[in-house]
């Protein structure tokens, strides 16, 4: 059974940091690219960051470059999103996605709220 479970969200003040985790099971994690997306109510889900299966390649949306870092630990079947210098506009529900060819597995998301 495939499972993708995000954790680590919460309420923080502007300028603070959070690290999101994405724990996967039920598929060969080390062969899948991993991505983080986010969504606010009433808006489309948007891409945030991605990492290749071997960590050789990463990509980010411009608004989070130099603040967010995506990483993965294939031995632990877990992907991470380190978020620094958080801004109110980063407030959203964050989702993890595992991708390989036509297969996409999504988690249920974790809420991140940045507010003073």
C-alpha atoms as a PDB file:
ATOM      1  CA  UNK A   1       0.000   0.000   0.000  1.00  0.00           C
ATOM      2  CA  UNK A   2       1.417   3.338  -1.089  1.00  0.00           C
ATOM      3  CA  UNK A   3       1.658   5.985   1.586  1.00  0.00           C
ATOM      4  CA  UNK A   4       3.010   9.527   1.411  1.00  0.00           C
ATOM      5  CA  UNK A   5       2.759  11.376   4.708  1.00  0.00           C
ATOM      6  CA  UNK A   6       3.801  14.970   5.292  1.00  0.00           C
ATOM      7  CA  UNK A   7       4.624  16.396   8.711  1.00  0.00           C
ATOM      8  CA  UNK A   8       6.332  19.360  10.313  1.00  0.00           C
ATOM      9  CA  UNK A   9       3.906  22.138   9.551  1.00  0.00           C
ATOM     10  CA  UNK A  10       2.754  24.652  12.095  1.00  0.00           C
ATOM     11  CA  UNK A  11       2.328  28.288  13.048  1.00  0.00           C
ATOM     12  CA  UNK A  12       5.455  30.428  12.982  1.00  0.00           C
ATOM     13  CA  UNK A  13       6.294  34.113  12.941  1.00  0.00           C
ATOM     14  CA  UNK A  14       7.783  35.882   9.916  1.00  0.00           C
ATOM     15  CA  UNK A  15      11.499  35.232   9.635  1.00  0.00           C
ATOM     16  CA  UNK A  16      11.375  31.899  11.430  1.00  0.00           C
ATOM     17  CA  UNK A  17      12.081  28.450  10.009  1.00  0.00           C
ATOM     18  CA  UNK A  18      10.334  25.124   9.610  1.00  0.00           C
ATOM     19  CA  UNK A  19      11.401  21.779   8.223  1.00  0.00           C
ATOM     20  CA  UNK A  20       8.779  19.674   6.510  1.00  0.00           C
ATOM     21  CA  UNK A  21       9.187  15.935   6.166  1.00  0.00           C
ATOM     22  CA  UNK A  22       7.626  13.566   3.665  1.00  0.00           C
ATOM     23  CA  UNK A  23       7.739   9.901   4.653  1.00  0.00           C
ATOM     24  CA  UNK A  24       7.015   7.409   1.878  1.00  0.00           C
ATOM     25  CA  UNK A  25       6.296   3.703   1.781  1.00  0.00           C
ATOM     26  CA  UNK A  26       4.847   1.099  -0.525  1.00  0.00           C
ATOM     27  CA  UNK A  27       7.021   1.916  -3.534  1.00  0.00           C
ATOM     28  CA  UNK A  28      10.710   2.114  -4.404  1.00  0.00           C
ATOM     29  CA  UNK A  29      11.359   5.562  -3.036  1.00  0.00           C
ATOM     30  CA  UNK A  30      14.904   5.818  -4.389  1.00  0.00           C
ATOM     31  CA  UNK A  31      13.677   5.671  -7.992  1.00  0.00           C
ATOM     32  CA  UNK A  32      11.115   8.466  -7.676  1.00  0.00           C
ATOM     33  CA  UNK A  33      11.599  12.183  -8.053  1.00  0.00           C
ATOM     34  CA  UNK A  34      10.117  14.088  -5.136  1.00  0.00           C
ATOM     35  CA  UNK A  35       8.419  17.451  -5.216  1.00  0.00           C
ATOM     36  CA  UNK A  36       6.753  19.877  -2.861  1.00  0.00           C
ATOM     37  CA  UNK A  37       3.689  21.880  -3.833  1.00  0.00           C
ATOM     38  CA  UNK A  38       1.547  24.312  -1.905  1.00  0.00           C
ATOM     39  CA  UNK A  39      -2.003  25.513  -2.098  1.00  0.00           C
ATOM     40  CA  UNK A  40      -4.106  28.217  -0.504  1.00  0.00           C
ATOM     41  CA  UNK A  41      -7.895  28.107  -0.533  1.00  0.00           C
ATOM     42  CA  UNK A  42      -9.337  29.354  -3.782  1.00  0.00           C
ATOM     43  CA  UNK A  43      -6.078  29.080  -5.688  1.00  0.00           C
ATOM     44  CA  UNK A  44      -4.458  26.388  -7.765  1.00  0.00           C
ATOM     45  CA  UNK A  45      -1.820  24.179  -6.272  1.00  0.00           C
ATOM     46  CA  UNK A  46       1.602  25.537  -7.189  1.00  0.00           C
ATOM     47  CA  UNK A  47       4.976  23.920  -7.565  1.00  0.00           C
ATOM     48  CA  UNK A  48       7.529  24.837  -4.895  1.00  0.00           C
ATOM     49  CA  UNK A  49      10.559  22.576  -5.262  1.00  0.00           C
ATOM     50  CA  UNK A  50      11.708  19.268  -6.703  1.00  0.00           C
ATOM     51  CA  UNK A  51      14.595  16.871  -6.363  1.00  0.00           C
ATOM     52  CA  UNK A  52      15.674  14.037  -8.610  1.00  0.00           C
ATOM     53  CA  UNK A  53      15.851  10.448  -7.427  1.00  0.00           C
ATOM     54  CA  UNK A  54      19.605  10.644  -6.802  1.00  0.00           C
ATOM     55  CA  UNK A  55      19.595  14.222  -5.470  1.00  0.00           C
ATOM     56  CA  UNK A  56      21.708  15.279  -8.444  1.00  0.00           C
ATOM     57  CA  UNK A  57      19.220  17.896  -9.548  1.00  0.00           C
ATOM     58  CA  UNK A  58      16.937  20.314  -7.726  1.00  0.00           C
ATOM     59  CA  UNK A  59      14.559  23.038  -8.819  1.00  0.00           C
ATOM     60  CA  UNK A  60      12.660  25.835  -7.108  1.00  0.00           C
ATOM     61  CA  UNK A  61      10.010  28.389  -7.787  1.00  0.00           C
ATOM     62  CA  UNK A  62      11.637  31.837  -7.898  1.00  0.00           C
ATOM     63  CA  UNK A  63       9.841  33.103  -4.806  1.00  0.00           C
ATOM     64  CA  UNK A  64      11.533  30.537  -2.532  1.00  0.00           C
ATOM     65  CA  UNK A  65      15.012  30.395  -4.042  1.00  0.00           C
ATOM     66  CA  UNK A  66      17.710  31.127  -1.440  1.00  0.00           C
ATOM     67  CA  UNK A  67      15.192  30.527   1.361  1.00  0.00           C
ATOM     68  CA  UNK A  68      14.000  26.931   0.879  1.00  0.00           C
ATOM     69  CA  UNK A  69      16.085  23.807   0.429  1.00  0.00           C
ATOM     70  CA  UNK A  70      14.776  20.460  -0.722  1.00  0.00           C
ATOM     71  CA  UNK A  71      16.629  17.282   0.180  1.00  0.00           C
ATOM     72  CA  UNK A  72      16.059  13.563   0.559  1.00  0.00           C
ATOM     73  CA  UNK A  73      17.394  10.576   2.408  1.00  0.00           C
ATOM     74  CA  UNK A  74      16.837   7.461   0.337  1.00  0.00           C
ATOM     75  CA  UNK A  75      17.911   5.241   3.224  1.00  0.00           C
ATOM     76  CA  UNK A  76      15.022   6.642   5.269  1.00  0.00           C
ATOM     77  CA  UNK A  77      12.515   6.923   2.395  1.00  0.00           C
ATOM     78  CA  UNK A  78      12.015  10.541   3.363  1.00  0.00           C
ATOM     79  CA  UNK A  79      12.142  13.886   1.606  1.00  0.00           C
ATOM     80  CA  UNK A  80      12.509  17.228   3.331  1.00  0.00           C
ATOM     81  CA  UNK A  81      11.818  20.879   2.738  1.00  0.00           C
ATOM     82  CA  UNK A  82      13.838  23.247   4.891  1.00  0.00           C
ATOM     83  CA  UNK A  83      12.106  26.611   4.910  1.00  0.00           C
ATOM     84  CA  UNK A  84      13.999  29.623   6.248  1.00  0.00           C
ATOM     85  CA  UNK A  85      13.098  33.292   6.454  1.00  0.00           C
ATOM     86  CA  UNK A  86       9.435  32.455   6.176  1.00  0.00           C
ATOM     87  CA  UNK A  87       7.058  35.147   4.958  1.00  0.00           C
ATOM     88  CA  UNK A  88       3.291  35.525   5.406  1.00  0.00           C
ATOM     89  CA  UNK A  89       2.878  34.773   1.704  1.00  0.00           C
ATOM     90  CA  UNK A  90       4.354  31.313   2.331  1.00  0.00           C
ATOM     91  CA  UNK A  91       1.199  30.449   4.270  1.00  0.00           C
ATOM     92  CA  UNK A  92      -0.392  27.447   2.555  1.00  0.00           C
ATOM     93  CA  UNK A  93      -1.002  23.752   2.810  1.00  0.00           C
ATOM     94  CA  UNK A  94       2.129  21.979   1.617  1.00  0.00           C
ATOM     95  CA  UNK A  95       1.925  18.727  -0.293  1.00  0.00           C
ATOM     96  CA  UNK A  96       4.533  16.152  -1.188  1.00  0.00           C
ATOM     97  CA  UNK A  97       4.473  14.285  -4.484  1.00  0.00           C
ATOM     98  CA  UNK A  98       6.404  11.247  -5.646  1.00  0.00           C
ATOM     99  CA  UNK A  99       6.774  10.918  -9.416  1.00  0.00           C
ATOM    100  CA  UNK A 100       8.056   8.267 -11.788  1.00  0.00           C
ATOM    101  CA  UNK A 101       6.956   8.392 -15.425  1.00  0.00           C
ATOM    102  CA  UNK A 102       3.143   8.341 -15.306  1.00  0.00           C
ATOM    103  CA  UNK A 103       2.928   7.444 -11.629  1.00  0.00           C
ATOM    104  CA  UNK A 104       2.235  10.221  -9.164  1.00  0.00           C
ATOM    105  CA  UNK A 105       1.598   9.710  -5.469  1.00  0.00           C
ATOM    106  CA  UNK A 106       0.404  12.579  -3.319  1.00  0.00           C
ATOM    107  CA  UNK A 107       0.206  13.050   0.412  1.00  0.00           C
ATOM    108  CA  UNK A 108      -2.581  14.748   2.349  1.00  0.00           C
ATOM    109  CA  UNK A 109      -0.542  17.838   3.107  1.00  0.00           C
ATOM    110  CA  UNK A 110       0.598  19.762   6.158  1.00  0.00           C
ATOM    111  CA  UNK A 111      -0.478  23.301   7.020  1.00  0.00           C
ATOM    112  CA  UNK A 112       2.088  26.066   7.299  1.00  0.00           C
ATOM    113  CA  UNK A 113       0.924  29.391   8.688  1.00  0.00           C
ATOM    114  CA  UNK A 114       3.254  32.381   8.902  1.00  0.00           C
ATOM    115  CA  UNK A 115       1.788  35.163  10.985  1.00  0.00           C
ATOM    116  CA  UNK A 116       2.792  37.638  13.645  1.00  0.00           C
END
